[in-house]
Amino acid sequence: MLSLKDKLLKAGVVTAEQVKKVEDEEAARQERARAAREARAAKGDGKRDATRDGRGRGNDRKDDGDERAAAREHEVEEAQRWRQRLDQLKAAGKAEQYQVIRGWVTRHRLDDKSTVSEAAARFHFAKEDGAIGHLTVEPDVQARLSSGAAGVIAFMGFNGVEHAVVPADLARDVHAVKPEWLRALAGVTDREPPAAEGPTVDAQPAPAEQTATPDAQPEGPPPES
């Protein structure tokens, strides 16, 4: 039975070079994660040995705090590296941007056009030109869109611009690289723009009441001669 990769290759949707690049990136990511886990495990073993030897008694809470601090530091470093990667991608050429973002969508999109149930409904969003587009999504995906856990982005497919539902963090990454490709994300695209500042228009003064001029003749019957 052919795997998804083999099916895509056979159909000509992706090239072998693109598949290899994705696999290499995933392998590198898994290797970094494995190395980090081993480093944390080694550090934890050393602390447990010290406790057994009597050198670390009474410091269990401190050790837990150190581990949490190290985990937070690792997360911060990973986040910084990812921001640098996004900055590099933003400065890259369109071809690389299209390929990378298309790969993200292929791996993480939440909507599935191939299987649509009777419970699926249209989710509408505004396109860049102001026109209204829509995607047909299942109730669980609709719920994620409504809660802000997912968003709609545009991306460059093999046949032109397409749209997809992706997790919120991925939608924000796409927004960082191509801001104009974010179509819908609760808390971002549904915010009203700030009101434009400018001089206020003073109300027009009410017209003054007409008063009689000194030469005006009072109304009434003419004087008797």
N, C-alpha and C. Protein backbone atom coordinates (compact mmCIF):
# COMPACT_ATOMS: atom_id res chain seq x y z
N MET A 1 0.85 -1.19 0.00
CA MET A 1 0.00 0.00 0.00
C MET A 1 0.89 1.24 0.00
N LEU A 2 0.58 2.16 -0.91
CA LEU A 2 1.42 3.33 -1.03
C LEU A 2 1.18 4.29 0.15
N SER A 3 2.27 4.89 0.64
CA SER A 3 2.15 5.89 1.68
C SER A 3 1.71 7.21 1.04
N LEU A 4 1.37 8.19 1.92
CA LEU A 4 0.97 9.49 1.40
C LEU A 4 2.09 10.12 0.59
N LYS A 5 3.32 9.95 1.05
CA LYS A 5 4.46 10.52 0.33
C LYS A 5 4.57 9.91 -1.06
N ASP A 6 4.44 8.58 -1.11
CA ASP A 6 4.54 7.91 -2.40
C ASP A 6 3.41 8.32 -3.34
N LYS A 7 2.22 8.50 -2.77
CA LYS A 7 1.09 8.92 -3.59
C LYS A 7 1.32 10.32 -4.17
N LEU A 8 1.86 11.22 -3.33
CA LEU A 8 2.12 12.59 -3.80
C LEU A 8 3.19 12.59 -4.87
N LEU A 9 4.22 11.77 -4.67
CA LEU A 9 5.29 11.69 -5.67
C LEU A 9 4.75 11.12 -6.98
N LYS A 10 3.95 10.08 -6.86
CA LYS A 10 3.41 9.44 -8.06
C LYS A 10 2.50 10.39 -8.82
N ALA A 11 1.73 11.19 -8.09
CA ALA A 11 0.80 12.11 -8.73
C ALA A 11 1.49 13.36 -9.25
N GLY A 12 2.76 13.53 -8.91
CA GLY A 12 3.49 14.70 -9.36
C GLY A 12 3.18 15.96 -8.58
N VAL A 13 2.53 15.81 -7.40
CA VAL A 13 2.19 16.97 -6.60
C VAL A 13 3.43 17.59 -5.97
N VAL A 14 4.35 16.75 -5.55
CA VAL A 14 5.62 17.22 -5.00
C VAL A 14 6.76 16.50 -5.69
N THR A 15 7.93 17.10 -5.59
CA THR A 15 9.11 16.48 -6.17
C THR A 15 9.86 15.72 -5.09
N ALA A 16 10.74 14.83 -5.53
CA ALA A 16 11.55 14.07 -4.57
C ALA A 16 12.44 15.01 -3.76
N GLU A 17 12.90 16.08 -4.39
CA GLU A 17 13.76 17.03 -3.68
C GLU A 17 12.99 17.73 -2.57
N GLN A 18 11.73 18.11 -2.83
CA GLN A 18 10.91 18.74 -1.80
C GLN A 18 10.64 17.79 -0.65
N VAL A 19 10.34 16.54 -0.95
CA VAL A 19 10.09 15.55 0.09
C VAL A 19 11.33 15.35 0.95
N LYS A 20 12.49 15.27 0.30
CA LYS A 20 13.73 15.06 1.04
C LYS A 20 14.02 16.24 1.97
N LYS A 21 13.74 17.46 1.47
CA LYS A 21 14.00 18.64 2.29
C LYS A 21 13.13 18.62 3.54
N VAL A 22 11.85 18.28 3.36
CA VAL A 22 10.94 18.20 4.50
C VAL A 22 11.38 17.12 5.47
N GLU A 23 11.77 15.96 4.95
CA GLU A 23 12.21 14.87 5.81
C GLU A 23 13.48 15.23 6.57
N ASP A 24 14.40 15.93 5.88
CA ASP A 24 15.64 16.35 6.55
C ASP A 24 15.34 17.33 7.68
N GLU A 25 14.43 18.28 7.42
CA GLU A 25 14.08 19.25 8.46
C GLU A 25 13.44 18.56 9.64
N GLU A 26 12.55 17.60 9.39
CA GLU A 26 11.90 16.88 10.47
C GLU A 26 12.90 16.03 11.25
N ALA A 27 13.82 15.40 10.53
CA ALA A 27 14.84 14.58 11.21
C ALA A 27 15.72 15.45 12.10
N ALA A 28 16.08 16.64 11.60
CA ALA A 28 16.92 17.54 12.39
C ALA A 28 16.17 18.01 13.64
N ARG A 29 14.87 18.30 13.47
CA ARG A 29 14.08 18.73 14.62
C ARG A 29 13.99 17.62 15.67
N GLN A 30 13.76 16.39 15.22
CA GLN A 30 13.68 15.27 16.16
C GLN A 30 15.01 15.02 16.85
N GLU A 31 16.10 15.21 16.13
CA GLU A 31 17.42 15.01 16.73
C GLU A 31 17.69 16.06 17.81
N ARG A 32 17.30 17.32 17.53
CA ARG A 32 17.48 18.36 18.55
C ARG A 32 16.64 18.07 19.78
N ALA A 33 15.41 17.60 19.56
CA ALA A 33 14.54 17.29 20.70
C ALA A 33 15.10 16.12 21.50
N ARG A 34 15.62 15.10 20.80
CA ARG A 34 16.20 13.95 21.49
C ARG A 34 17.40 14.35 22.31
N ALA A 35 18.27 15.20 21.73
CA ALA A 35 19.47 15.65 22.45
C ALA A 35 19.08 16.45 23.69
N ALA A 36 18.04 17.27 23.56
CA ALA A 36 17.61 18.06 24.71
C ALA A 36 17.07 17.16 25.81
N ARG A 37 16.29 16.13 25.41
CA ARG A 37 15.77 15.20 26.42
C ARG A 37 16.89 14.45 27.12
N GLU A 38 17.89 14.02 26.35
CA GLU A 38 19.00 13.29 26.96
C GLU A 38 19.78 14.19 27.91
N ALA A 39 19.95 15.46 27.51
CA ALA A 39 20.69 16.38 28.38
C ALA A 39 19.95 16.60 29.69
N ARG A 40 18.61 16.77 29.59
CA ARG A 40 17.84 16.96 30.83
C ARG A 40 17.87 15.70 31.69
N ALA A 41 17.79 14.52 31.02
CA ALA A 41 17.82 13.26 31.78
C ALA A 41 19.15 13.08 32.50
N ALA A 42 20.25 13.41 31.79
CA ALA A 42 21.58 13.28 32.40
C ALA A 42 21.73 14.20 33.60
N LYS A 43 21.18 15.41 33.44
CA LYS A 43 21.26 16.37 34.54
C LYS A 43 20.46 15.87 35.74
N GLY A 44 19.28 15.29 35.45
CA GLY A 44 18.45 14.77 36.54
C GLY A 44 19.10 13.58 37.23
N ASP A 45 19.78 12.70 36.47
CA ASP A 45 20.47 11.55 37.08
C ASP A 45 21.58 12.01 38.00
N GLY A 46 22.31 13.04 37.57
CA GLY A 46 23.40 13.54 38.41
C GLY A 46 22.90 14.08 39.73
N LYS A 47 21.75 14.77 39.66
CA LYS A 47 21.21 15.32 40.90
C LYS A 47 20.70 14.22 41.81
N ARG A 48 20.08 13.18 41.23
CA ARG A 48 19.61 12.07 42.07
C ARG A 48 20.78 11.33 42.71
N ASP A 49 21.90 11.18 41.96
CA ASP A 49 23.07 10.52 42.55
C ASP A 49 23.60 11.33 43.72
N ALA A 50 23.61 12.64 43.56
CA ALA A 50 24.10 13.49 44.65
C ALA A 50 23.22 13.35 45.88
N THR A 51 21.91 13.21 45.65
CA THR A 51 20.99 13.05 46.78
C THR A 51 21.25 11.73 47.50
N ARG A 52 21.46 10.67 46.71
CA ARG A 52 21.73 9.36 47.33
C ARG A 52 23.04 9.38 48.11
N ASP A 53 24.01 10.16 47.67
CA ASP A 53 25.29 10.20 48.36
C ASP A 53 25.25 11.08 49.60
N GLY A 54 24.12 11.75 49.81
CA GLY A 54 24.03 12.58 51.01
C GLY A 54 24.40 14.02 50.75
N ARG A 55 24.79 14.35 49.51
CA ARG A 55 25.21 15.73 49.26
C ARG A 55 24.04 16.62 48.88
N GLY A 56 22.91 16.01 48.48
CA GLY A 56 21.82 16.85 48.03
C GLY A 56 20.56 16.70 48.85
N ARG A 57 20.67 16.18 50.06
CA ARG A 57 19.49 15.99 50.90
C ARG A 57 18.92 17.35 51.28
N GLY A 58 17.56 17.37 51.27
CA GLY A 58 16.89 18.62 51.65
C GLY A 58 16.82 19.61 50.52
N ASN A 59 17.34 19.26 49.33
CA ASN A 59 17.34 20.21 48.22
C ASN A 59 16.42 19.77 47.08
N ASP A 60 15.46 18.87 47.39
CA ASP A 60 14.58 18.38 46.33
C ASP A 60 13.82 19.52 45.68
N ARG A 61 13.31 20.43 46.51
CA ARG A 61 12.55 21.55 45.96
C ARG A 61 13.43 22.43 45.09
N LYS A 62 14.65 22.66 45.54
CA LYS A 62 15.58 23.49 44.77
C LYS A 62 15.89 22.83 43.43
N ASP A 63 16.08 21.49 43.47
CA ASP A 63 16.37 20.77 42.24
C ASP A 63 15.20 20.88 41.25
N ASP A 64 13.97 20.75 41.78
CA ASP A 64 12.81 20.88 40.91
C ASP A 64 12.74 22.27 40.31
N GLY A 65 13.07 23.27 41.13
CA GLY A 65 13.07 24.64 40.62
C GLY A 65 14.12 24.84 39.55
N ASP A 66 15.29 24.23 39.75
CA ASP A 66 16.36 24.35 38.75
C ASP A 66 15.94 23.70 37.43
N GLU A 67 15.27 22.56 37.52
CA GLU A 67 14.83 21.87 36.31
C GLU A 67 13.79 22.70 35.56
N ARG A 68 12.86 23.28 36.32
CA ARG A 68 11.85 24.11 35.67
C ARG A 68 12.48 25.33 35.02
N ALA A 69 13.45 25.92 35.71
CA ALA A 69 14.13 27.09 35.15
C ALA A 69 14.89 26.72 33.87
N ALA A 70 15.53 25.54 33.90
CA ALA A 70 16.26 25.10 32.71
C ALA A 70 15.30 24.83 31.55
N ALA A 71 14.13 24.26 31.88
CA ALA A 71 13.14 24.00 30.83
C ALA A 71 12.64 25.30 30.23
N ARG A 72 12.39 26.30 31.10
CA ARG A 72 11.93 27.60 30.60
C ARG A 72 12.99 28.26 29.74
N GLU A 73 14.25 28.17 30.16
CA GLU A 73 15.34 28.75 29.39
C GLU A 73 15.45 28.08 28.01
N HIS A 74 15.25 26.76 27.99
CA HIS A 74 15.30 26.05 26.72
C HIS A 74 14.16 26.50 25.81
N GLU A 75 12.97 26.69 26.39
CA GLU A 75 11.84 27.14 25.59
C GLU A 75 12.09 28.53 25.02
N VAL A 76 12.68 29.41 25.83
CA VAL A 76 12.98 30.76 25.36
C VAL A 76 13.98 30.73 24.21
N GLU A 77 15.01 29.89 24.34
CA GLU A 77 16.01 29.77 23.28
C GLU A 77 15.39 29.24 21.99
N GLU A 78 14.51 28.23 22.12
CA GLU A 78 13.83 27.70 20.94
C GLU A 78 12.96 28.75 20.29
N ALA A 79 12.25 29.54 21.12
CA ALA A 79 11.38 30.58 20.58
C ALA A 79 12.20 31.65 19.85
N GLN A 80 13.36 31.99 20.40
CA GLN A 80 14.22 32.98 19.75
C GLN A 80 14.74 32.46 18.41
N ARG A 81 15.12 31.19 18.39
CA ARG A 81 15.60 30.61 17.13
C ARG A 81 14.48 30.58 16.09
N TRP A 82 13.26 30.29 16.53
CA TRP A 82 12.16 30.24 15.59
C TRP A 82 11.83 31.64 15.04
N ARG A 83 11.92 32.66 15.91
CA ARG A 83 11.69 34.03 15.43
C ARG A 83 12.74 34.42 14.40
N GLN A 84 13.98 34.01 14.63
CA GLN A 84 15.03 34.28 13.66
C GLN A 84 14.73 33.59 12.33
N ARG A 85 14.21 32.35 12.43
CA ARG A 85 13.85 31.62 11.21
C ARG A 85 12.74 32.35 10.45
N LEU A 86 11.75 32.88 11.16
CA LEU A 86 10.67 33.62 10.52
C LEU A 86 11.19 34.90 9.88
N ASP A 87 12.11 35.58 10.58
CA ASP A 87 12.70 36.80 10.00
C ASP A 87 13.47 36.48 8.72
N GLN A 88 14.20 35.37 8.73
CA GLN A 88 14.94 34.97 7.53
C GLN A 88 13.99 34.64 6.39
N LEU A 89 12.90 33.95 6.72
CA LEU A 89 11.93 33.59 5.68
C LEU A 89 11.23 34.82 5.13
N LYS A 90 10.97 35.80 6.00
CA LYS A 90 10.34 37.04 5.54
C LYS A 90 11.23 37.79 4.56
N ALA A 91 12.55 37.70 4.77
CA ALA A 91 13.49 38.39 3.89
C ALA A 91 13.84 37.55 2.66
N ALA A 92 13.39 36.30 2.61
CA ALA A 92 13.72 35.41 1.49
C ALA A 92 12.88 35.75 0.27
N GLY A 93 13.19 35.11 -0.84
CA GLY A 93 12.45 35.31 -2.07
C GLY A 93 11.07 34.67 -2.00
N LYS A 94 10.21 35.07 -2.93
CA LYS A 94 8.84 34.56 -2.93
C LYS A 94 8.80 33.04 -3.14
N ALA A 95 9.68 32.52 -3.99
CA ALA A 95 9.64 31.08 -4.27
C ALA A 95 9.86 30.28 -2.99
N GLU A 96 10.83 30.69 -2.17
CA GLU A 96 11.08 29.97 -0.92
C GLU A 96 9.93 30.15 0.04
N GLN A 97 9.38 31.36 0.13
CA GLN A 97 8.24 31.59 1.01
C GLN A 97 7.06 30.70 0.61
N TYR A 98 6.76 30.67 -0.69
CA TYR A 98 5.65 29.85 -1.17
C TYR A 98 5.86 28.38 -0.81
N GLN A 99 7.07 27.88 -1.04
CA GLN A 99 7.35 26.46 -0.81
C GLN A 99 7.26 26.10 0.67
N VAL A 100 7.85 26.93 1.53
CA VAL A 100 7.86 26.63 2.96
C VAL A 100 6.45 26.68 3.54
N ILE A 101 5.71 27.75 3.23
CA ILE A 101 4.36 27.89 3.78
C ILE A 101 3.44 26.80 3.23
N ARG A 102 3.62 26.45 1.96
CA ARG A 102 2.82 25.36 1.39
C ARG A 102 3.10 24.05 2.14
N GLY A 103 4.36 23.83 2.52
CA GLY A 103 4.71 22.64 3.29
C GLY A 103 4.06 22.66 4.66
N TRP A 104 4.04 23.82 5.31
CA TRP A 104 3.36 23.93 6.61
C TRP A 104 1.89 23.55 6.48
N VAL A 105 1.25 24.09 5.46
CA VAL A 105 -0.18 23.82 5.27
C VAL A 105 -0.41 22.33 5.02
N THR A 106 0.42 21.72 4.18
CA THR A 106 0.26 20.30 3.86
C THR A 106 0.31 19.44 5.12
N ARG A 107 1.18 19.79 6.06
CA ARG A 107 1.36 18.97 7.26
C ARG A 107 0.36 19.28 8.37
N HIS A 108 -0.18 20.50 8.39
CA HIS A 108 -0.93 20.89 9.59
C HIS A 108 -2.35 21.41 9.31
N ARG A 109 -2.81 21.45 8.08
CA ARG A 109 -4.14 22.01 7.84
C ARG A 109 -5.21 21.17 8.54
N LEU A 110 -6.27 21.83 8.96
CA LEU A 110 -7.32 21.19 9.75
C LEU A 110 -8.57 20.87 8.93
N ASP A 111 -8.78 21.57 7.82
CA ASP A 111 -9.94 21.28 6.99
C ASP A 111 -9.57 20.21 5.96
N ASP A 112 -10.57 19.45 5.56
CA ASP A 112 -10.33 18.35 4.62
C ASP A 112 -11.40 18.41 3.53
N LYS A 113 -10.98 18.81 2.33
CA LYS A 113 -11.93 18.95 1.23
C LYS A 113 -12.38 17.60 0.68
N SER A 114 -11.62 16.56 0.93
CA SER A 114 -11.93 15.26 0.33
C SER A 114 -13.11 14.57 1.01
N THR A 115 -13.30 14.82 2.30
CA THR A 115 -14.41 14.21 3.03
C THR A 115 -15.19 15.29 3.76
N VAL A 116 -16.41 15.53 3.34
CA VAL A 116 -17.26 16.55 3.95
C VAL A 116 -18.56 15.89 4.39
N SER A 117 -18.88 16.00 5.67
CA SER A 117 -20.09 15.37 6.20
C SER A 117 -21.28 16.31 6.04
N GLU A 118 -22.47 15.77 6.33
CA GLU A 118 -23.67 16.57 6.24
C GLU A 118 -23.71 17.66 7.31
N ALA A 119 -22.93 17.51 8.36
CA ALA A 119 -22.91 18.50 9.44
C ALA A 119 -21.99 19.68 9.13
N ALA A 120 -21.20 19.57 8.07
CA ALA A 120 -20.27 20.64 7.72
C ALA A 120 -21.05 21.89 7.30
N ALA A 121 -20.44 23.04 7.54
CA ALA A 121 -21.06 24.32 7.20
C ALA A 121 -20.01 25.26 6.65
N ARG A 122 -20.48 26.29 6.00
CA ARG A 122 -19.57 27.27 5.42
C ARG A 122 -19.05 28.23 6.49
N PHE A 123 -17.76 28.50 6.42
CA PHE A 123 -17.15 29.54 7.26
C PHE A 123 -16.71 30.65 6.33
N HIS A 124 -17.25 31.85 6.52
CA HIS A 124 -16.97 32.96 5.62
C HIS A 124 -15.84 33.84 6.17
N PHE A 125 -15.09 34.41 5.28
CA PHE A 125 -13.99 35.30 5.64
C PHE A 125 -13.80 36.32 4.52
N ALA A 126 -13.13 37.40 4.86
CA ALA A 126 -12.88 38.46 3.89
C ALA A 126 -11.54 38.23 3.20
N LYS A 127 -11.55 38.32 1.87
CA LYS A 127 -10.31 38.21 1.12
C LYS A 127 -9.59 39.56 1.11
N GLU A 128 -8.37 39.55 0.54
CA GLU A 128 -7.57 40.77 0.55
C GLU A 128 -8.24 41.89 -0.24
N ASP A 129 -8.97 41.54 -1.30
CA ASP A 129 -9.61 42.57 -2.13
C ASP A 129 -10.98 42.97 -1.61
N GLY A 130 -11.37 42.45 -0.44
CA GLY A 130 -12.65 42.81 0.13
C GLY A 130 -13.77 41.85 -0.21
N ALA A 131 -13.56 40.96 -1.18
CA ALA A 131 -14.57 39.97 -1.53
C ALA A 131 -14.72 38.96 -0.39
N ILE A 132 -15.87 38.29 -0.34
CA ILE A 132 -16.14 37.31 0.71
C ILE A 132 -15.88 35.91 0.17
N GLY A 133 -15.00 35.19 0.86
CA GLY A 133 -14.72 33.80 0.51
C GLY A 133 -15.28 32.89 1.59
N HIS A 134 -15.21 31.59 1.36
CA HIS A 134 -15.69 30.65 2.35
C HIS A 134 -14.96 29.32 2.21
N LEU A 135 -14.94 28.59 3.33
CA LEU A 135 -14.46 27.22 3.37
C LEU A 135 -15.53 26.38 4.06
N THR A 136 -15.75 25.18 3.58
CA THR A 136 -16.70 24.27 4.21
C THR A 136 -15.96 23.44 5.25
N VAL A 137 -16.35 23.59 6.51
CA VAL A 137 -15.60 22.95 7.60
C VAL A 137 -16.55 22.16 8.49
N GLU A 138 -16.00 21.19 9.18
CA GLU A 138 -16.75 20.36 10.12
C GLU A 138 -17.01 21.14 11.42
N PRO A 139 -17.99 20.71 12.23
CA PRO A 139 -18.33 21.45 13.45
C PRO A 139 -17.15 21.65 14.41
N ASP A 140 -16.27 20.64 14.55
CA ASP A 140 -15.15 20.81 15.47
C ASP A 140 -14.18 21.87 14.98
N VAL A 141 -13.98 21.94 13.68
CA VAL A 141 -13.11 22.97 13.11
C VAL A 141 -13.76 24.34 13.25
N GLN A 142 -15.08 24.40 13.04
CA GLN A 142 -15.82 25.65 13.22
C GLN A 142 -15.65 26.16 14.65
N ALA A 143 -15.71 25.24 15.62
CA ALA A 143 -15.56 25.62 17.03
C ALA A 143 -14.16 26.19 17.28
N ARG A 144 -13.15 25.58 16.69
CA ARG A 144 -11.78 26.07 16.88
C ARG A 144 -11.61 27.44 16.23
N LEU A 145 -12.24 27.67 15.10
CA LEU A 145 -12.18 28.98 14.47
C LEU A 145 -12.87 30.03 15.34
N SER A 146 -14.00 29.68 15.91
CA SER A 146 -14.75 30.63 16.73
C SER A 146 -14.00 30.98 18.01
N SER A 147 -13.30 30.00 18.59
CA SER A 147 -12.59 30.23 19.85
C SER A 147 -11.22 30.87 19.67
N GLY A 148 -10.73 30.95 18.43
CA GLY A 148 -9.40 31.50 18.20
C GLY A 148 -8.30 30.46 18.26
N ALA A 149 -8.67 29.18 18.35
CA ALA A 149 -7.67 28.12 18.37
C ALA A 149 -7.19 27.77 16.96
N ALA A 150 -7.86 28.30 15.96
CA ALA A 150 -7.48 28.06 14.57
C ALA A 150 -7.79 29.32 13.76
N GLY A 151 -7.18 29.42 12.59
CA GLY A 151 -7.41 30.57 11.73
C GLY A 151 -7.40 30.16 10.27
N VAL A 152 -7.81 31.08 9.41
CA VAL A 152 -7.81 30.85 7.97
C VAL A 152 -6.69 31.68 7.35
N ILE A 153 -5.88 31.04 6.52
CA ILE A 153 -4.80 31.74 5.84
C ILE A 153 -4.90 31.47 4.34
N ALA A 154 -4.27 32.33 3.58
CA ALA A 154 -4.06 32.09 2.15
C ALA A 154 -2.67 31.51 1.98
N PHE A 155 -2.47 30.74 0.93
CA PHE A 155 -1.15 30.23 0.60
C PHE A 155 -1.10 29.99 -0.90
N MET A 156 0.10 29.89 -1.43
CA MET A 156 0.27 29.68 -2.86
C MET A 156 0.30 28.19 -3.16
N GLY A 157 -0.81 27.66 -3.66
CA GLY A 157 -0.86 26.27 -4.06
C GLY A 157 -0.19 26.09 -5.41
N PHE A 158 -0.25 24.88 -5.90
CA PHE A 158 0.38 24.60 -7.20
C PHE A 158 -0.42 25.18 -8.35
N ASN A 159 -1.68 25.52 -8.10
CA ASN A 159 -2.52 26.09 -9.15
C ASN A 159 -2.96 27.51 -8.84
N GLY A 160 -2.28 28.18 -7.90
CA GLY A 160 -2.64 29.54 -7.56
C GLY A 160 -2.96 29.68 -6.08
N VAL A 161 -3.50 30.84 -5.72
CA VAL A 161 -3.79 31.13 -4.32
C VAL A 161 -4.94 30.25 -3.83
N GLU A 162 -4.74 29.61 -2.68
CA GLU A 162 -5.76 28.79 -2.04
C GLU A 162 -5.91 29.24 -0.60
N HIS A 163 -6.87 28.64 0.10
CA HIS A 163 -7.10 28.96 1.50
C HIS A 163 -7.20 27.68 2.31
N ALA A 164 -6.84 27.78 3.59
CA ALA A 164 -6.85 26.60 4.46
C ALA A 164 -7.04 27.03 5.90
N VAL A 165 -7.58 26.11 6.71
CA VAL A 165 -7.68 26.30 8.15
C VAL A 165 -6.46 25.66 8.81
N VAL A 166 -5.76 26.40 9.65
CA VAL A 166 -4.57 25.90 10.32
C VAL A 166 -4.62 26.28 11.79
N PRO A 167 -3.82 25.62 12.65
CA PRO A 167 -3.77 26.01 14.06
C PRO A 167 -3.38 27.47 14.22
N ALA A 168 -3.81 28.07 15.33
CA ALA A 168 -3.61 29.51 15.53
C ALA A 168 -2.14 29.91 15.51
N ASP A 169 -1.25 29.08 16.12
CA ASP A 169 0.16 29.46 16.15
C ASP A 169 0.75 29.47 14.75
N LEU A 170 0.31 28.56 13.90
CA LEU A 170 0.78 28.55 12.52
C LEU A 170 0.23 29.75 11.75
N ALA A 171 -1.02 30.11 12.02
CA ALA A 171 -1.60 31.29 11.37
C ALA A 171 -0.81 32.54 11.74
N ARG A 172 -0.36 32.62 12.99
CA ARG A 172 0.44 33.78 13.41
C ARG A 172 1.82 33.76 12.74
N ASP A 173 2.39 32.57 12.57
CA ASP A 173 3.68 32.48 11.87
C ASP A 173 3.56 32.95 10.43
N VAL A 174 2.49 32.53 9.76
CA VAL A 174 2.26 32.98 8.39
C VAL A 174 2.06 34.49 8.36
N HIS A 175 1.35 35.02 9.35
CA HIS A 175 1.13 36.47 9.43
C HIS A 175 2.45 37.21 9.61
N ALA A 176 3.39 36.61 10.35
CA ALA A 176 4.69 37.25 10.55
C ALA A 176 5.49 37.32 9.26
N VAL A 177 5.31 36.33 8.38
CA VAL A 177 6.04 36.29 7.13
C VAL A 177 5.29 37.03 6.02
N LYS A 178 4.00 36.75 5.91
CA LYS A 178 3.16 37.36 4.86
C LYS A 178 1.89 37.90 5.54
N PRO A 179 1.93 39.11 6.10
CA PRO A 179 0.77 39.63 6.84
C PRO A 179 -0.51 39.63 6.02
N GLU A 180 -0.40 39.86 4.72
CA GLU A 180 -1.59 39.94 3.88
C GLU A 180 -2.26 38.59 3.66
N TRP A 181 -1.61 37.50 4.09
CA TRP A 181 -2.18 36.16 3.90
C TRP A 181 -3.04 35.71 5.06
N LEU A 182 -3.08 36.45 6.14
CA LEU A 182 -3.96 36.09 7.26
C LEU A 182 -5.37 36.54 6.92
N ARG A 183 -6.29 35.59 6.84
CA ARG A 183 -7.66 35.90 6.44
C ARG A 183 -8.60 36.02 7.64
N ALA A 184 -8.49 35.12 8.60
CA ALA A 184 -9.39 35.16 9.76
C ALA A 184 -8.70 34.52 10.96
N LEU A 185 -8.66 35.25 12.07
CA LEU A 185 -8.13 34.74 13.33
C LEU A 185 -8.77 35.55 14.45
N ALA A 186 -9.59 34.89 15.25
CA ALA A 186 -10.30 35.58 16.32
C ALA A 186 -9.31 36.31 17.23
N GLY A 187 -9.61 37.56 17.53
CA GLY A 187 -8.74 38.37 18.35
C GLY A 187 -7.72 39.16 17.55
N VAL A 188 -7.64 38.90 16.25
CA VAL A 188 -6.69 39.63 15.40
C VAL A 188 -7.42 40.33 14.26
N THR A 189 -8.03 39.55 13.38
CA THR A 189 -8.68 40.14 12.22
C THR A 189 -10.05 40.73 12.55
N ASP A 190 -10.63 40.36 13.71
CA ASP A 190 -11.94 40.89 14.04
C ASP A 190 -11.88 42.13 14.91
N ARG A 191 -10.69 42.64 15.14
CA ARG A 191 -10.57 43.87 15.92
C ARG A 191 -10.88 45.07 15.03
N GLU A 192 -11.65 46.02 15.59
CA GLU A 192 -11.96 47.21 14.83
C GLU A 192 -10.74 48.13 14.81
N PRO A 193 -10.43 48.75 13.66
CA PRO A 193 -9.30 49.69 13.62
C PRO A 193 -9.59 50.89 14.49
N PRO A 194 -8.53 51.49 15.09
CA PRO A 194 -8.76 52.67 15.94
C PRO A 194 -9.37 53.80 15.14
N ALA A 195 -10.21 54.59 15.80
CA ALA A 195 -10.85 55.71 15.13
C ALA A 195 -9.81 56.74 14.72
N ALA A 196 -9.97 57.28 13.52
CA ALA A 196 -9.01 58.26 13.02
C ALA A 196 -9.15 59.55 13.80
N GLU A 197 -8.00 60.10 14.21
CA GLU A 197 -8.00 61.35 14.94
C GLU A 197 -8.04 62.51 13.97
N GLY A 198 -8.73 63.56 14.34
CA GLY A 198 -8.82 64.72 13.47
C GLY A 198 -9.64 65.78 14.14
N PRO A 199 -9.70 66.97 13.53
CA PRO A 199 -10.46 68.05 14.15
C PRO A 199 -11.94 67.73 14.18
N THR A 200 -12.56 68.07 15.26
CA THR A 200 -14.01 67.85 15.37
C THR A 200 -14.75 68.95 14.65
N VAL A 201 -15.89 68.62 14.13
CA VAL A 201 -16.69 69.61 13.41
C VAL A 201 -17.61 70.28 14.40
N ASP A 202 -17.48 71.60 14.54
CA ASP A 202 -18.34 72.33 15.46
C ASP A 202 -19.75 72.39 14.92
N ALA A 203 -20.67 72.31 15.81
CA ALA A 203 -22.06 72.41 15.41
C ALA A 203 -22.34 73.80 14.88
N GLN A 204 -23.15 73.87 13.85
CA GLN A 204 -23.51 75.16 13.29
C GLN A 204 -24.39 75.90 14.28
N PRO A 205 -24.11 77.20 14.50
CA PRO A 205 -24.94 77.96 15.46
C PRO A 205 -26.36 78.10 14.93
N ALA A 206 -27.28 78.08 15.84
CA ALA A 206 -28.68 78.24 15.44
C ALA A 206 -28.89 79.64 14.90
N PRO A 207 -29.75 79.79 13.87
CA PRO A 207 -29.97 81.13 13.31
C PRO A 207 -30.60 82.04 14.35
N ALA A 208 -30.11 83.28 14.37
CA ALA A 208 -30.62 84.26 15.34
C ALA A 208 -32.04 84.66 14.99
N GLU A 209 -32.81 84.95 16.02
CA GLU A 209 -34.18 85.38 15.79
C GLU A 209 -34.19 86.75 15.13
N GLN A 210 -35.07 86.92 14.16
CA GLN A 210 -35.18 88.20 13.47
C GLN A 210 -35.84 89.23 14.38
N THR A 211 -35.24 90.39 14.45
CA THR A 211 -35.81 91.47 15.26
C THR A 211 -36.27 92.58 14.34
N ALA A 212 -37.22 93.32 14.78
CA ALA A 212 -37.76 94.41 13.96
C ALA A 212 -36.77 95.54 13.87
N THR A 213 -36.66 96.12 12.68
CA THR A 213 -35.79 97.28 12.48
C THR A 213 -36.51 98.52 12.92
N PRO A 214 -35.77 99.62 13.20
CA PRO A 214 -36.43 100.85 13.67
C PRO A 214 -37.46 101.37 12.70
N ASP A 215 -37.27 101.14 11.37
CA ASP A 215 -38.19 101.68 10.38
C ASP A 215 -39.39 100.80 10.15
N ALA A 216 -39.42 99.64 10.76
CA ALA A 216 -40.52 98.73 10.50
C ALA A 216 -41.81 99.29 11.08
N GLN A 217 -42.89 99.19 10.34
CA GLN A 217 -44.18 99.69 10.78
C GLN A 217 -44.94 98.59 11.49
N PRO A 218 -45.52 98.88 12.64
CA PRO A 218 -46.27 97.85 13.34
C PRO A 218 -47.51 97.49 12.54
N GLU A 219 -47.85 96.25 12.62
CA GLU A 219 -49.04 95.77 11.94
C GLU A 219 -50.28 96.26 12.68
N GLY A 220 -51.35 96.53 11.96
CA GLY A 220 -52.59 96.97 12.57
C GLY A 220 -53.39 97.85 11.62
N PRO A 221 -54.52 98.32 12.03
CA PRO A 221 -55.36 99.14 11.16
C PRO A 221 -54.70 100.49 10.90
N PRO A 222 -54.92 101.10 9.71
CA PRO A 222 -54.31 102.41 9.41
C PRO A 222 -54.88 103.48 10.33
N PRO A 223 -54.12 104.52 10.64
CA PRO A 223 -54.63 105.58 11.53
C PRO A 223 -55.79 106.33 10.87
N GLU A 224 -56.69 106.81 11.74
CA GLU A 224 -57.83 107.58 11.20
C GLU A 224 -57.35 108.95 10.75
N SER A 225 -57.90 109.43 9.63
CA SER A 225 -57.51 110.75 9.14
C SER A 225 -58.41 111.81 9.73
